[in-house]
Amino acid sequence: MDDEPVFHVTYSRFLGGIARDGLVPGRGRSIGGASYDAHRRGAIFLTSADGIGFWAEKAEQWAEQGSENAYEDGLVPVVLRVNIDPDELCKIDELGTDDAKADAYRCETEVEPEYLEVWDGDDWLPIEDYNDVDTRLAFDFEETEDGDELVWFVADSPLIPPDEARE
């Protein structure tokens, strides 16, 4: 096995299902529009550490386009560390690799929850502890005069692991 871990970028609203079932090929769309549907059918996608920033930015863009309030809708980009050897279970995803300018993998097999960890802003947690991830960390909040809360993504979300945590 390659000593380099691989990662999966998804949204916080999917963490409960992932904790229960793992990563299941073809179960929903996290990132990308209809143009990716044929490509993603029956697969899950992983990336090398160098691709996390690209896919997290794409996830944030899709959240902003698809939601009035990404926080309330659970569209907070989160990163999973996937403790498998992608060379054994996956194929290189040429489209994703070209897009991200980093290794991307297309996997047609399930990844059980025991192989998954989620970044909580400080450390990697087993996926079953996903409720300990404070998704508010990804946003700035501000009260307005009439009491309404304005929400927007912070520039550098602490829910995206820094380089030293990607090893």
N, C-alpha and C. Protein backbone atom coordinates (compact mmCIF):
# COMPACT_ATOMS: atom_id res chain seq x y z
N MET A 1 0.83 -1.20 0.00
CA MET A 1 0.00 0.00 0.00
C MET A 1 0.87 1.25 0.00
N ASP A 2 0.46 2.21 -0.74
CA ASP A 2 1.09 3.52 -0.74
C ASP A 2 0.87 4.13 0.64
N ASP A 3 1.89 4.75 1.21
CA ASP A 3 1.76 5.32 2.55
C ASP A 3 0.96 6.61 2.58
N GLU A 4 0.68 7.18 1.42
CA GLU A 4 -0.07 8.42 1.36
C GLU A 4 -1.56 8.14 1.50
N PRO A 5 -2.24 8.79 2.46
CA PRO A 5 -3.69 8.58 2.58
C PRO A 5 -4.43 9.25 1.42
N VAL A 6 -5.67 8.85 1.24
CA VAL A 6 -6.54 9.49 0.26
C VAL A 6 -7.73 10.08 1.01
N PHE A 7 -8.46 10.96 0.33
CA PHE A 7 -9.49 11.74 1.00
C PHE A 7 -10.75 11.81 0.15
N HIS A 8 -11.85 12.12 0.82
CA HIS A 8 -13.14 12.30 0.16
C HIS A 8 -13.75 13.59 0.71
N VAL A 9 -14.14 14.49 -0.18
CA VAL A 9 -14.78 15.74 0.23
C VAL A 9 -16.29 15.55 0.03
N THR A 10 -17.05 15.89 1.07
CA THR A 10 -18.50 15.74 1.03
C THR A 10 -19.13 16.86 1.84
N TYR A 11 -20.42 16.76 2.08
CA TYR A 11 -21.14 17.75 2.89
C TYR A 11 -21.53 17.15 4.23
N SER A 12 -21.63 18.02 5.22
CA SER A 12 -21.95 17.58 6.58
C SER A 12 -23.27 16.82 6.66
N ARG A 13 -24.25 17.16 5.85
CA ARG A 13 -25.54 16.49 5.93
C ARG A 13 -25.47 15.01 5.57
N PHE A 14 -24.40 14.58 4.93
CA PHE A 14 -24.26 13.18 4.55
C PHE A 14 -23.51 12.35 5.59
N LEU A 15 -22.97 12.99 6.63
CA LEU A 15 -22.12 12.27 7.57
C LEU A 15 -22.85 11.15 8.32
N GLY A 16 -24.10 11.35 8.68
CA GLY A 16 -24.84 10.30 9.38
C GLY A 16 -24.98 9.04 8.55
N GLY A 17 -25.34 9.19 7.30
CA GLY A 17 -25.46 8.04 6.40
C GLY A 17 -24.12 7.38 6.15
N ILE A 18 -23.07 8.19 6.02
CA ILE A 18 -21.74 7.64 5.80
C ILE A 18 -21.28 6.89 7.05
N ALA A 19 -21.56 7.41 8.23
CA ALA A 19 -21.20 6.72 9.47
C ALA A 19 -21.92 5.38 9.57
N ARG A 20 -23.12 5.32 9.09
CA ARG A 20 -23.93 4.09 9.14
C ARG A 20 -23.52 3.10 8.05
N ASP A 21 -23.39 3.59 6.82
CA ASP A 21 -23.23 2.69 5.67
C ASP A 21 -21.86 2.74 5.00
N GLY A 22 -21.04 3.72 5.34
CA GLY A 22 -19.78 3.91 4.64
C GLY A 22 -20.00 4.70 3.36
N LEU A 23 -19.01 4.72 2.52
CA LEU A 23 -19.12 5.36 1.22
C LEU A 23 -19.66 4.33 0.24
N VAL A 24 -20.80 4.64 -0.36
CA VAL A 24 -21.49 3.71 -1.24
C VAL A 24 -21.49 4.28 -2.66
N PRO A 25 -20.95 3.53 -3.62
CA PRO A 25 -20.89 4.03 -4.99
C PRO A 25 -22.27 4.43 -5.51
N GLY A 26 -22.30 5.61 -6.13
CA GLY A 26 -23.50 6.08 -6.79
C GLY A 26 -24.59 6.61 -5.90
N ARG A 27 -24.36 6.72 -4.61
CA ARG A 27 -25.39 7.20 -3.70
C ARG A 27 -25.36 8.72 -3.64
N GLY A 28 -26.05 9.35 -4.53
CA GLY A 28 -26.19 10.80 -4.48
C GLY A 28 -25.02 11.55 -5.07
N ARG A 29 -25.22 12.83 -5.18
CA ARG A 29 -24.22 13.72 -5.75
C ARG A 29 -23.85 14.75 -4.70
N SER A 30 -22.57 14.86 -4.43
CA SER A 30 -22.11 15.88 -3.50
C SER A 30 -21.64 17.11 -4.25
N ILE A 31 -20.78 16.91 -5.21
CA ILE A 31 -20.12 18.01 -5.89
C ILE A 31 -20.37 17.87 -7.39
N GLY A 32 -20.73 18.94 -8.00
CA GLY A 32 -20.89 18.94 -9.44
C GLY A 32 -22.34 18.91 -9.86
N GLY A 33 -22.56 19.41 -11.02
CA GLY A 33 -23.91 19.48 -11.55
C GLY A 33 -24.23 18.28 -12.41
N ALA A 34 -25.28 18.43 -13.17
CA ALA A 34 -25.77 17.36 -14.02
C ALA A 34 -24.73 16.90 -15.03
N SER A 35 -23.83 17.78 -15.41
CA SER A 35 -22.81 17.41 -16.40
C SER A 35 -21.90 16.30 -15.89
N TYR A 36 -21.81 16.11 -14.58
CA TYR A 36 -20.99 15.05 -14.00
C TYR A 36 -21.78 13.76 -13.77
N ASP A 37 -23.09 13.78 -13.94
CA ASP A 37 -23.92 12.64 -13.58
C ASP A 37 -23.50 11.34 -14.26
N ALA A 38 -23.29 11.35 -15.56
CA ALA A 38 -22.91 10.12 -16.26
C ALA A 38 -21.56 9.62 -15.76
N HIS A 39 -20.64 10.53 -15.48
CA HIS A 39 -19.31 10.15 -15.02
C HIS A 39 -19.35 9.55 -13.61
N ARG A 40 -20.19 10.09 -12.76
CA ARG A 40 -20.19 9.67 -11.37
C ARG A 40 -21.02 8.43 -11.11
N ARG A 41 -21.86 8.03 -12.05
CA ARG A 41 -22.78 6.91 -11.86
C ARG A 41 -22.02 5.67 -11.40
N GLY A 42 -22.45 5.11 -10.26
CA GLY A 42 -21.89 3.87 -9.76
C GLY A 42 -20.51 3.99 -9.15
N ALA A 43 -20.14 5.19 -8.70
CA ALA A 43 -18.78 5.36 -8.18
C ALA A 43 -18.74 6.31 -7.00
N ILE A 44 -17.65 6.22 -6.25
CA ILE A 44 -17.27 7.23 -5.27
C ILE A 44 -15.93 7.79 -5.74
N PHE A 45 -15.61 8.98 -5.28
CA PHE A 45 -14.39 9.64 -5.75
C PHE A 45 -13.52 10.04 -4.57
N LEU A 46 -12.24 9.77 -4.73
CA LEU A 46 -11.24 10.09 -3.72
C LEU A 46 -10.17 10.95 -4.36
N THR A 47 -9.40 11.62 -3.52
CA THR A 47 -8.33 12.48 -4.02
C THR A 47 -7.10 12.35 -3.14
N SER A 48 -5.97 12.68 -3.71
CA SER A 48 -4.76 12.80 -2.91
C SER A 48 -4.84 14.07 -2.08
N ALA A 49 -3.92 14.23 -1.17
CA ALA A 49 -3.90 15.42 -0.30
C ALA A 49 -3.87 16.71 -1.10
N ASP A 50 -3.16 16.70 -2.21
CA ASP A 50 -3.04 17.91 -3.03
C ASP A 50 -4.35 18.34 -3.67
N GLY A 51 -5.32 17.44 -3.76
CA GLY A 51 -6.59 17.76 -4.38
C GLY A 51 -7.66 18.25 -3.42
N ILE A 52 -7.42 18.17 -2.12
CA ILE A 52 -8.44 18.54 -1.14
C ILE A 52 -8.92 19.98 -1.36
N GLY A 53 -8.00 20.91 -1.49
CA GLY A 53 -8.38 22.31 -1.63
C GLY A 53 -9.27 22.55 -2.84
N PHE A 54 -8.93 21.93 -3.96
CA PHE A 54 -9.74 22.10 -5.17
C PHE A 54 -11.15 21.59 -4.95
N TRP A 55 -11.29 20.36 -4.42
CA TRP A 55 -12.62 19.76 -4.26
C TRP A 55 -13.41 20.46 -3.16
N ALA A 56 -12.75 20.92 -2.11
CA ALA A 56 -13.45 21.66 -1.06
C ALA A 56 -13.98 22.99 -1.60
N GLU A 57 -13.19 23.65 -2.44
CA GLU A 57 -13.65 24.90 -3.05
C GLU A 57 -14.84 24.64 -3.97
N LYS A 58 -14.79 23.56 -4.74
CA LYS A 58 -15.93 23.21 -5.61
C LYS A 58 -17.16 22.93 -4.75
N ALA A 59 -17.00 22.22 -3.65
CA ALA A 59 -18.13 21.91 -2.77
C ALA A 59 -18.74 23.19 -2.22
N GLU A 60 -17.89 24.12 -1.82
CA GLU A 60 -18.38 25.40 -1.31
C GLU A 60 -19.13 26.17 -2.39
N GLN A 61 -18.61 26.18 -3.61
CA GLN A 61 -19.28 26.87 -4.71
C GLN A 61 -20.66 26.26 -4.97
N TRP A 62 -20.75 24.95 -4.98
CA TRP A 62 -22.04 24.29 -5.22
C TRP A 62 -23.00 24.55 -4.08
N ALA A 63 -22.49 24.62 -2.85
CA ALA A 63 -23.35 24.93 -1.71
C ALA A 63 -23.91 26.34 -1.83
N GLU A 64 -23.06 27.30 -2.20
CA GLU A 64 -23.52 28.68 -2.34
C GLU A 64 -24.53 28.83 -3.46
N GLN A 65 -24.36 28.08 -4.54
CA GLN A 65 -25.29 28.16 -5.67
C GLN A 65 -26.62 27.47 -5.36
N GLY A 66 -26.57 26.42 -4.55
CA GLY A 66 -27.76 25.60 -4.35
C GLY A 66 -28.52 25.85 -3.07
N SER A 67 -28.11 26.86 -2.29
CA SER A 67 -28.75 27.05 -1.00
C SER A 67 -28.77 28.52 -0.60
N GLU A 68 -29.86 28.91 0.02
CA GLU A 68 -29.94 30.25 0.63
C GLU A 68 -29.13 30.30 1.92
N ASN A 69 -29.02 29.16 2.61
CA ASN A 69 -28.29 29.10 3.87
C ASN A 69 -27.61 27.73 3.97
N ALA A 70 -26.36 27.67 3.51
CA ALA A 70 -25.63 26.41 3.46
C ALA A 70 -25.49 25.78 4.85
N TYR A 71 -25.33 26.59 5.87
CA TYR A 71 -25.20 26.05 7.23
C TYR A 71 -26.48 25.30 7.63
N GLU A 72 -27.63 25.96 7.51
CA GLU A 72 -28.89 25.32 7.90
C GLU A 72 -29.22 24.11 7.04
N ASP A 73 -28.79 24.13 5.79
CA ASP A 73 -29.08 23.02 4.88
C ASP A 73 -28.06 21.88 4.96
N GLY A 74 -27.07 22.01 5.84
CA GLY A 74 -26.08 20.95 5.99
C GLY A 74 -25.12 20.85 4.82
N LEU A 75 -24.95 21.94 4.11
CA LEU A 75 -24.04 21.96 2.96
C LEU A 75 -22.69 22.55 3.35
N VAL A 76 -22.14 22.02 4.42
CA VAL A 76 -20.84 22.44 4.92
C VAL A 76 -19.81 21.43 4.39
N PRO A 77 -18.85 21.88 3.58
CA PRO A 77 -17.83 20.95 3.10
C PRO A 77 -17.00 20.39 4.26
N VAL A 78 -16.88 19.08 4.28
CA VAL A 78 -16.08 18.37 5.27
C VAL A 78 -15.19 17.37 4.54
N VAL A 79 -14.12 16.98 5.20
CA VAL A 79 -13.14 16.08 4.57
C VAL A 79 -13.06 14.78 5.36
N LEU A 80 -13.10 13.68 4.63
CA LEU A 80 -12.91 12.37 5.21
C LEU A 80 -11.54 11.85 4.80
N ARG A 81 -10.86 11.23 5.75
CA ARG A 81 -9.64 10.49 5.41
C ARG A 81 -10.09 9.05 5.20
N VAL A 82 -9.69 8.50 4.07
CA VAL A 82 -10.13 7.16 3.66
C VAL A 82 -8.90 6.24 3.72
N ASN A 83 -8.91 5.37 4.70
CA ASN A 83 -7.75 4.52 4.97
C ASN A 83 -7.81 3.22 4.19
N ILE A 84 -7.65 3.36 2.87
CA ILE A 84 -7.57 2.22 1.96
C ILE A 84 -6.42 2.45 1.00
N ASP A 85 -6.06 1.42 0.28
CA ASP A 85 -5.08 1.56 -0.79
C ASP A 85 -5.86 1.76 -2.09
N PRO A 86 -5.89 2.98 -2.61
CA PRO A 86 -6.70 3.24 -3.81
C PRO A 86 -6.21 2.45 -5.03
N ASP A 87 -4.94 2.08 -5.04
CA ASP A 87 -4.42 1.32 -6.17
C ASP A 87 -5.02 -0.08 -6.24
N GLU A 88 -5.49 -0.60 -5.11
CA GLU A 88 -6.11 -1.93 -5.07
C GLU A 88 -7.61 -1.87 -5.38
N LEU A 89 -8.30 -0.81 -4.97
CA LEU A 89 -9.76 -0.76 -5.05
C LEU A 89 -10.31 0.22 -6.09
N CYS A 90 -9.45 1.03 -6.66
CA CYS A 90 -9.93 2.13 -7.50
C CYS A 90 -9.12 2.22 -8.79
N LYS A 91 -9.60 3.06 -9.67
CA LYS A 91 -8.88 3.39 -10.90
C LYS A 91 -8.60 4.89 -10.88
N ILE A 92 -7.56 5.28 -11.57
CA ILE A 92 -7.30 6.71 -11.71
C ILE A 92 -8.48 7.35 -12.43
N ASP A 93 -8.97 8.44 -11.89
CA ASP A 93 -10.04 9.22 -12.52
C ASP A 93 -9.36 10.33 -13.31
N GLU A 94 -9.24 10.11 -14.60
CA GLU A 94 -8.52 11.07 -15.44
C GLU A 94 -9.20 12.43 -15.46
N LEU A 95 -10.53 12.47 -15.53
CA LEU A 95 -11.25 13.74 -15.53
C LEU A 95 -11.00 14.50 -14.23
N GLY A 96 -11.13 13.84 -13.09
CA GLY A 96 -10.89 14.48 -11.79
C GLY A 96 -9.45 14.89 -11.60
N THR A 97 -8.52 14.06 -12.08
CA THR A 97 -7.10 14.38 -11.98
C THR A 97 -6.78 15.62 -12.80
N ASP A 98 -7.34 15.69 -14.01
CA ASP A 98 -7.12 16.88 -14.85
C ASP A 98 -7.73 18.12 -14.21
N ASP A 99 -8.94 18.00 -13.67
CA ASP A 99 -9.61 19.15 -13.06
C ASP A 99 -8.85 19.67 -11.84
N ALA A 100 -8.46 18.76 -10.95
CA ALA A 100 -7.86 19.15 -9.68
C ALA A 100 -6.35 19.35 -9.75
N LYS A 101 -5.74 18.89 -10.82
CA LYS A 101 -4.27 18.92 -10.93
C LYS A 101 -3.64 18.15 -9.76
N ALA A 102 -4.32 17.07 -9.37
CA ALA A 102 -3.87 16.19 -8.28
C ALA A 102 -4.50 14.82 -8.55
N ASP A 103 -3.88 13.78 -8.03
CA ASP A 103 -4.42 12.44 -8.24
C ASP A 103 -5.85 12.35 -7.75
N ALA A 104 -6.70 11.81 -8.60
CA ALA A 104 -8.09 11.55 -8.24
C ALA A 104 -8.38 10.09 -8.60
N TYR A 105 -9.27 9.48 -7.83
CA TYR A 105 -9.58 8.07 -8.01
C TYR A 105 -11.08 7.87 -8.12
N ARG A 106 -11.46 6.92 -8.97
CA ARG A 106 -12.85 6.51 -9.14
C ARG A 106 -12.95 5.09 -8.61
N CYS A 107 -13.80 4.89 -7.61
CA CYS A 107 -13.93 3.59 -6.96
C CYS A 107 -15.35 3.07 -7.13
N GLU A 108 -15.45 1.83 -7.54
CA GLU A 108 -16.77 1.22 -7.74
C GLU A 108 -17.10 0.22 -6.65
N THR A 109 -16.38 0.29 -5.55
CA THR A 109 -16.62 -0.60 -4.43
C THR A 109 -16.90 0.23 -3.18
N GLU A 110 -17.68 -0.34 -2.27
CA GLU A 110 -17.99 0.37 -1.01
C GLU A 110 -16.76 0.49 -0.14
N VAL A 111 -16.73 1.53 0.67
CA VAL A 111 -15.71 1.68 1.70
C VAL A 111 -16.45 1.68 3.04
N GLU A 112 -16.21 0.67 3.84
CA GLU A 112 -16.90 0.50 5.12
C GLU A 112 -16.52 1.63 6.09
N PRO A 113 -17.43 1.97 7.01
CA PRO A 113 -17.18 3.06 7.96
C PRO A 113 -15.90 2.90 8.78
N GLU A 114 -15.49 1.67 9.04
CA GLU A 114 -14.29 1.46 9.87
C GLU A 114 -13.02 2.02 9.23
N TYR A 115 -13.07 2.32 7.92
CA TYR A 115 -11.91 2.86 7.21
C TYR A 115 -11.98 4.37 7.04
N LEU A 116 -12.94 5.01 7.69
CA LEU A 116 -13.19 6.43 7.48
C LEU A 116 -13.00 7.25 8.74
N GLU A 117 -12.39 8.42 8.56
CA GLU A 117 -12.23 9.40 9.63
C GLU A 117 -12.67 10.76 9.10
N VAL A 118 -13.15 11.63 9.98
CA VAL A 118 -13.57 12.96 9.60
C VAL A 118 -12.72 13.99 10.34
N TRP A 119 -12.35 15.05 9.65
CA TRP A 119 -11.55 16.14 10.25
C TRP A 119 -12.49 17.06 11.02
N ASP A 120 -12.18 17.33 12.29
CA ASP A 120 -13.05 18.17 13.12
C ASP A 120 -12.51 19.58 13.34
N GLY A 121 -11.44 19.92 12.67
CA GLY A 121 -10.82 21.23 12.84
C GLY A 121 -9.54 21.15 13.65
N ASP A 122 -9.38 20.03 14.40
CA ASP A 122 -8.17 19.83 15.20
C ASP A 122 -7.54 18.46 14.99
N ASP A 123 -8.38 17.47 14.68
CA ASP A 123 -7.88 16.10 14.65
C ASP A 123 -8.80 15.23 13.79
N TRP A 124 -8.32 14.06 13.45
CA TRP A 124 -9.13 13.08 12.74
C TRP A 124 -9.91 12.26 13.74
N LEU A 125 -11.21 12.18 13.54
CA LEU A 125 -12.10 11.40 14.41
C LEU A 125 -12.65 10.21 13.64
N PRO A 126 -12.91 9.09 14.33
CA PRO A 126 -13.62 8.01 13.64
C PRO A 126 -14.95 8.56 13.13
N ILE A 127 -15.39 8.10 11.98
CA ILE A 127 -16.60 8.64 11.37
C ILE A 127 -17.81 8.55 12.30
N GLU A 128 -17.86 7.55 13.17
CA GLU A 128 -19.02 7.44 14.06
C GLU A 128 -19.10 8.61 15.05
N ASP A 129 -18.02 9.37 15.20
CA ASP A 129 -18.03 10.54 16.08
C ASP A 129 -18.32 11.84 15.30
N TYR A 130 -18.95 11.73 14.15
CA TYR A 130 -19.21 12.89 13.29
C TYR A 130 -20.00 13.99 13.99
N ASN A 131 -20.82 13.63 14.98
CA ASN A 131 -21.59 14.67 15.69
C ASN A 131 -20.70 15.61 16.49
N ASP A 132 -19.45 15.24 16.70
CA ASP A 132 -18.51 16.11 17.42
C ASP A 132 -17.90 17.19 16.52
N VAL A 133 -18.19 17.15 15.24
CA VAL A 133 -17.68 18.16 14.30
C VAL A 133 -18.59 19.38 14.38
N ASP A 134 -18.00 20.52 14.76
CA ASP A 134 -18.75 21.77 14.88
C ASP A 134 -18.74 22.47 13.52
N THR A 135 -19.79 22.28 12.76
CA THR A 135 -19.84 22.84 11.40
C THR A 135 -19.94 24.36 11.39
N ARG A 136 -20.26 24.97 12.53
CA ARG A 136 -20.28 26.44 12.61
C ARG A 136 -18.89 27.03 12.35
N LEU A 137 -17.85 26.24 12.56
CA LEU A 137 -16.48 26.72 12.36
C LEU A 137 -16.22 27.16 10.92
N ALA A 138 -17.00 26.68 9.98
CA ALA A 138 -16.79 27.00 8.58
C ALA A 138 -17.42 28.33 8.17
N PHE A 139 -18.08 29.01 9.11
CA PHE A 139 -18.83 30.22 8.78
C PHE A 139 -18.52 31.37 9.71
N ASP A 140 -18.78 32.56 9.19
CA ASP A 140 -18.83 33.76 10.02
C ASP A 140 -20.31 34.07 10.23
N PHE A 141 -20.66 34.43 11.43
CA PHE A 141 -22.05 34.77 11.76
C PHE A 141 -22.09 36.21 12.24
N GLU A 142 -23.16 36.90 11.90
CA GLU A 142 -23.32 38.29 12.31
C GLU A 142 -24.80 38.57 12.52
N GLU A 143 -25.11 39.21 13.62
CA GLU A 143 -26.49 39.62 13.88
C GLU A 143 -26.78 40.93 13.17
N THR A 144 -27.94 41.03 12.56
CA THR A 144 -28.36 42.28 11.92
C THR A 144 -29.25 43.05 12.88
N GLU A 145 -29.62 44.25 12.51
CA GLU A 145 -30.46 45.09 13.37
C GLU A 145 -31.79 44.42 13.71
N ASP A 146 -32.37 43.70 12.77
CA ASP A 146 -33.65 43.06 13.03
C ASP A 146 -33.51 41.65 13.60
N GLY A 147 -32.29 41.28 13.97
CA GLY A 147 -32.07 39.99 14.63
C GLY A 147 -31.78 38.84 13.70
N ASP A 148 -31.89 39.07 12.40
CA ASP A 148 -31.59 37.99 11.46
C ASP A 148 -30.10 37.74 11.44
N GLU A 149 -29.72 36.47 11.31
CA GLU A 149 -28.31 36.11 11.26
C GLU A 149 -27.87 35.97 9.82
N LEU A 150 -26.83 36.68 9.44
CA LEU A 150 -26.24 36.53 8.12
C LEU A 150 -25.13 35.48 8.22
N VAL A 151 -25.06 34.61 7.25
CA VAL A 151 -24.08 33.53 7.29
C VAL A 151 -23.31 33.48 5.98
N TRP A 152 -21.99 33.33 6.06
CA TRP A 152 -21.17 33.14 4.88
C TRP A 152 -19.96 32.32 5.26
N PHE A 153 -19.36 31.67 4.29
CA PHE A 153 -18.18 30.84 4.54
C PHE A 153 -16.99 31.70 4.94
N VAL A 154 -16.17 31.21 5.87
CA VAL A 154 -14.92 31.87 6.21
C VAL A 154 -13.92 31.62 5.08
N ALA A 155 -12.91 32.45 5.00
CA ALA A 155 -11.93 32.33 3.92
C ALA A 155 -11.19 30.99 3.95
N ASP A 156 -10.75 30.58 5.11
CA ASP A 156 -10.01 29.31 5.25
C ASP A 156 -10.70 28.47 6.32
N SER A 157 -11.61 27.62 5.89
CA SER A 157 -12.37 26.81 6.83
C SER A 157 -11.46 25.89 7.64
N PRO A 158 -11.59 25.90 8.96
CA PRO A 158 -10.83 24.97 9.78
C PRO A 158 -11.28 23.52 9.59
N LEU A 159 -12.39 23.31 8.88
CA LEU A 159 -12.84 21.95 8.60
C LEU A 159 -12.14 21.34 7.39
N ILE A 160 -11.26 22.11 6.77
CA ILE A 160 -10.40 21.60 5.71
C ILE A 160 -9.01 21.42 6.34
N PRO A 161 -8.54 20.20 6.43
CA PRO A 161 -7.28 19.96 7.18
C PRO A 161 -6.09 20.69 6.56
N PRO A 162 -5.24 21.26 7.42
CA PRO A 162 -4.03 21.91 6.92
C PRO A 162 -3.06 20.85 6.39
N ASP A 163 -2.08 21.28 5.66
CA ASP A 163 -1.14 20.36 5.02
C ASP A 163 -0.54 19.34 6.00
N GLU A 164 -0.16 19.78 7.18
CA GLU A 164 0.50 18.87 8.12
C GLU A 164 -0.44 17.78 8.65
N ALA A 165 -1.74 17.98 8.54
CA ALA A 165 -2.70 16.98 9.00
C ALA A 165 -3.09 16.00 7.89
N ARG A 166 -2.56 16.20 6.71
CA ARG A 166 -2.92 15.37 5.57
C ARG A 166 -1.99 14.18 5.39
N GLU A 167 -1.04 14.03 6.27
CA GLU A 167 -0.04 12.95 6.14
C GLU A 167 -0.55 11.66 6.75
